[in-house]
Amino acid sequence: MHPPADARSWRHEVSDVGRLVLTVGVLMVVLGGALMLFGRLHLPGDLTIRRGNLTIYAPLATSLVLSVVLTVVLNLLLRAR
């Protein structure tokens, strides 16, 4: 006995979401590895606070740039379907 057609389409959609999550995860690992190998990407809006032996790094500008880039890329990928 086969599942109803709408159940099959739901599984197909879940499978697509799983592939997307996996792809984004792999891209994040690759990007993180590249940043570790080639040094940190410091933009003018990134904050670094050093007090004695404590260092706090808040990559505000880098986070904003990465957010915009990922938003554009994901929108292009999802609209292409």
N, C-alpha and C. Protein backbone atom coordinates (compact mmCIF):
# COMPACT_ATOMS: atom_id res chain seq x y z
N MET A 1 0.85 -1.18 0.00
CA MET A 1 0.00 0.00 0.00
C MET A 1 0.90 1.24 0.00
N HIS A 2 0.61 2.19 -0.89
CA HIS A 2 1.42 3.40 -1.01
C HIS A 2 0.82 4.53 -0.17
N PRO A 3 1.68 5.42 0.37
CA PRO A 3 1.15 6.56 1.11
C PRO A 3 0.44 7.53 0.16
N PRO A 4 -0.43 8.37 0.69
CA PRO A 4 -1.13 9.34 -0.16
C PRO A 4 -0.14 10.27 -0.86
N ALA A 5 -0.57 10.86 -1.95
CA ALA A 5 0.30 11.73 -2.75
C ALA A 5 0.80 12.93 -1.94
N ASP A 6 -0.06 13.51 -1.10
CA ASP A 6 0.39 14.68 -0.33
C ASP A 6 1.43 14.29 0.71
N ALA A 7 1.40 13.07 1.22
CA ALA A 7 2.44 12.61 2.15
C ALA A 7 3.77 12.47 1.43
N ARG A 8 3.74 11.99 0.18
CA ARG A 8 4.97 11.88 -0.59
C ARG A 8 5.57 13.24 -0.89
N SER A 9 4.73 14.23 -1.21
CA SER A 9 5.24 15.57 -1.49
C SER A 9 5.81 16.19 -0.22
N TRP A 10 5.18 15.89 0.92
CA TRP A 10 5.70 16.41 2.19
C TRP A 10 7.09 15.84 2.46
N ARG A 11 7.27 14.54 2.22
CA ARG A 11 8.58 13.92 2.40
C ARG A 11 9.61 14.52 1.46
N HIS A 12 9.17 14.83 0.26
CA HIS A 12 10.07 15.44 -0.73
C HIS A 12 10.52 16.81 -0.23
N GLU A 13 9.59 17.61 0.32
CA GLU A 13 9.93 18.93 0.84
C GLU A 13 10.88 18.82 2.03
N VAL A 14 10.63 17.88 2.93
CA VAL A 14 11.51 17.68 4.08
C VAL A 14 12.90 17.26 3.61
N SER A 15 12.95 16.43 2.60
CA SER A 15 14.23 16.01 2.05
C SER A 15 14.99 17.20 1.47
N ASP A 16 14.28 18.10 0.78
CA ASP A 16 14.91 19.30 0.23
C ASP A 16 15.46 20.19 1.33
N VAL A 17 14.70 20.35 2.41
CA VAL A 17 15.16 21.17 3.54
C VAL A 17 16.40 20.53 4.16
N GLY A 18 16.40 19.22 4.28
CA GLY A 18 17.56 18.52 4.83
C GLY A 18 18.81 18.74 3.99
N ARG A 19 18.66 18.67 2.67
CA ARG A 19 19.80 18.93 1.79
C ARG A 19 20.29 20.36 1.93
N LEU A 20 19.35 21.30 2.04
CA LEU A 20 19.73 22.71 2.19
C LEU A 20 20.50 22.93 3.49
N VAL A 21 20.01 22.36 4.58
CA VAL A 21 20.69 22.50 5.88
C VAL A 21 22.09 21.88 5.82
N LEU A 22 22.20 20.73 5.19
CA LEU A 22 23.49 20.07 5.05
C LEU A 22 24.44 20.92 4.21
N THR A 23 23.96 21.47 3.12
CA THR A 23 24.79 22.31 2.25
C THR A 23 25.27 23.56 2.98
N VAL A 24 24.37 24.22 3.69
CA VAL A 24 24.74 25.43 4.44
C VAL A 24 25.75 25.07 5.52
N GLY A 25 25.57 23.93 6.18
CA GLY A 25 26.52 23.50 7.21
C GLY A 25 27.90 23.25 6.64
N VAL A 26 27.96 22.58 5.50
CA VAL A 26 29.26 22.32 4.87
C VAL A 26 29.92 23.63 4.45
N LEU A 27 29.14 24.55 3.90
CA LEU A 27 29.70 25.86 3.51
C LEU A 27 30.23 26.61 4.73
N MET A 28 29.52 26.53 5.85
CA MET A 28 29.99 27.21 7.07
C MET A 28 31.29 26.59 7.57
N VAL A 29 31.41 25.28 7.50
CA VAL A 29 32.64 24.61 7.93
C VAL A 29 33.80 25.03 7.03
N VAL A 30 33.56 25.04 5.73
CA VAL A 30 34.61 25.44 4.79
C VAL A 30 35.02 26.89 5.02
N LEU A 31 34.05 27.78 5.18
CA LEU A 31 34.34 29.19 5.42
C LEU A 31 35.09 29.37 6.74
N GLY A 32 34.64 28.68 7.78
CA GLY A 32 35.32 28.77 9.07
C GLY A 32 36.75 28.27 9.00
N GLY A 33 36.96 27.16 8.29
CA GLY A 33 38.32 26.64 8.13
C GLY A 33 39.20 27.61 7.36
N ALA A 34 38.64 28.22 6.31
CA ALA A 34 39.42 29.19 5.53
C ALA A 34 39.79 30.40 6.38
N LEU A 35 38.86 30.87 7.20
CA LEU A 35 39.16 32.00 8.07
C LEU A 35 40.22 31.64 9.11
N MET A 36 40.18 30.41 9.60
CA MET A 36 41.20 29.99 10.57
C MET A 36 42.57 29.88 9.92
N LEU A 37 42.61 29.36 8.69
CA LEU A 37 43.89 29.18 8.00
C LEU A 37 44.51 30.50 7.56
N PHE A 38 43.69 31.40 7.06
CA PHE A 38 44.21 32.64 6.49
C PHE A 38 44.10 33.82 7.44
N GLY A 39 43.82 33.59 8.68
CA GLY A 39 43.71 34.67 9.65
C GLY A 39 42.29 35.19 9.69
N ARG A 40 41.97 35.88 10.73
CA ARG A 40 40.62 36.40 10.88
C ARG A 40 40.38 37.56 9.93
N LEU A 41 39.15 37.67 9.53
CA LEU A 41 38.71 38.76 8.68
C LEU A 41 38.28 39.90 9.60
N HIS A 42 39.06 40.97 9.65
CA HIS A 42 38.75 42.11 10.52
C HIS A 42 38.23 43.26 9.67
N LEU A 43 37.00 43.66 9.93
CA LEU A 43 36.42 44.81 9.26
C LEU A 43 36.41 45.99 10.24
N PRO A 44 36.26 47.21 9.74
CA PRO A 44 36.30 48.38 10.63
C PRO A 44 35.27 48.37 11.76
N GLY A 45 34.14 47.69 11.61
CA GLY A 45 33.12 47.66 12.66
C GLY A 45 33.30 46.54 13.68
N ASP A 46 34.34 45.74 13.56
CA ASP A 46 34.59 44.66 14.52
C ASP A 46 35.24 45.24 15.77
N LEU A 47 34.78 44.79 16.91
CA LEU A 47 35.31 45.30 18.19
C LEU A 47 36.24 44.29 18.84
N THR A 48 37.36 44.77 19.34
CA THR A 48 38.28 43.95 20.11
C THR A 48 38.58 44.70 21.41
N ILE A 49 38.31 44.06 22.54
CA ILE A 49 38.55 44.66 23.84
C ILE A 49 39.59 43.82 24.55
N ARG A 50 40.69 44.44 24.96
CA ARG A 50 41.75 43.73 25.68
C ARG A 50 41.92 44.37 27.06
N ARG A 51 41.79 43.55 28.08
CA ARG A 51 41.98 43.98 29.47
C ARG A 51 42.85 42.94 30.15
N GLY A 52 44.10 43.24 30.34
CA GLY A 52 45.01 42.29 30.97
C GLY A 52 45.15 41.04 30.13
N ASN A 53 44.80 39.88 30.72
CA ASN A 53 44.90 38.63 29.99
C ASN A 53 43.56 38.19 29.39
N LEU A 54 42.57 39.10 29.35
CA LEU A 54 41.25 38.82 28.79
C LEU A 54 41.08 39.58 27.48
N THR A 55 40.68 38.87 26.44
CA THR A 55 40.41 39.49 25.15
C THR A 55 39.00 39.11 24.72
N ILE A 56 38.20 40.12 24.37
CA ILE A 56 36.84 39.90 23.88
C ILE A 56 36.79 40.42 22.45
N TYR A 57 36.38 39.55 21.54
CA TYR A 57 36.29 39.91 20.13
C TYR A 57 34.83 39.82 19.71
N ALA A 58 34.26 40.94 19.25
CA ALA A 58 32.86 40.98 18.80
C ALA A 58 32.84 41.38 17.33
N PRO A 59 32.70 40.41 16.43
CA PRO A 59 32.74 40.70 14.98
C PRO A 59 31.41 41.24 14.45
N LEU A 60 31.05 42.45 14.84
CA LEU A 60 29.75 43.01 14.46
C LEU A 60 29.64 43.24 12.95
N ALA A 61 30.62 43.91 12.36
CA ALA A 61 30.57 44.20 10.93
C ALA A 61 30.68 42.92 10.10
N THR A 62 31.55 42.02 10.52
CA THR A 62 31.70 40.76 9.80
C THR A 62 30.40 39.97 9.83
N SER A 63 29.74 39.93 10.97
CA SER A 63 28.46 39.23 11.08
C SER A 63 27.40 39.85 10.17
N LEU A 64 27.38 41.16 10.11
CA LEU A 64 26.42 41.85 9.26
C LEU A 64 26.67 41.55 7.78
N VAL A 65 27.93 41.59 7.36
CA VAL A 65 28.27 41.30 5.97
C VAL A 65 27.93 39.85 5.62
N LEU A 66 28.29 38.90 6.49
CA LEU A 66 27.98 37.50 6.23
C LEU A 66 26.47 37.26 6.18
N SER A 67 25.72 37.94 7.03
CA SER A 67 24.27 37.81 7.03
C SER A 67 23.67 38.28 5.71
N VAL A 68 24.12 39.42 5.22
CA VAL A 68 23.61 39.94 3.95
C VAL A 68 23.98 39.02 2.80
N VAL A 69 25.22 38.55 2.76
CA VAL A 69 25.66 37.67 1.69
C VAL A 69 24.88 36.36 1.70
N LEU A 70 24.73 35.74 2.87
CA LEU A 70 23.98 34.49 2.95
C LEU A 70 22.51 34.68 2.61
N THR A 71 21.92 35.81 2.99
CA THR A 71 20.53 36.09 2.65
C THR A 71 20.35 36.17 1.14
N VAL A 72 21.24 36.89 0.47
CA VAL A 72 21.14 37.02 -0.98
C VAL A 72 21.35 35.66 -1.65
N VAL A 73 22.35 34.91 -1.24
CA VAL A 73 22.63 33.62 -1.86
C VAL A 73 21.47 32.66 -1.66
N LEU A 74 20.95 32.57 -0.45
CA LEU A 74 19.84 31.64 -0.18
C LEU A 74 18.59 32.05 -0.93
N ASN A 75 18.32 33.35 -1.02
CA ASN A 75 17.17 33.80 -1.79
C ASN A 75 17.30 33.44 -3.25
N LEU A 76 18.48 33.60 -3.80
CA LEU A 76 18.71 33.23 -5.21
C LEU A 76 18.55 31.73 -5.41
N LEU A 77 19.06 30.93 -4.48
CA LEU A 77 18.96 29.48 -4.60
C LEU A 77 17.51 29.00 -4.48
N LEU A 78 16.79 29.56 -3.52
CA LEU A 78 15.42 29.11 -3.28
C LEU A 78 14.45 29.60 -4.36
N ARG A 79 14.71 30.75 -4.94
CA ARG A 79 13.85 31.26 -6.00
C ARG A 79 14.11 30.55 -7.32
N ALA A 80 15.29 29.98 -7.47
CA ALA A 80 15.64 29.28 -8.71
C ALA A 80 14.84 27.99 -8.86
N ARG A 81 14.30 27.49 -7.78
CA ARG A 81 13.55 26.23 -7.82
C ARG A 81 12.22 26.45 -8.40
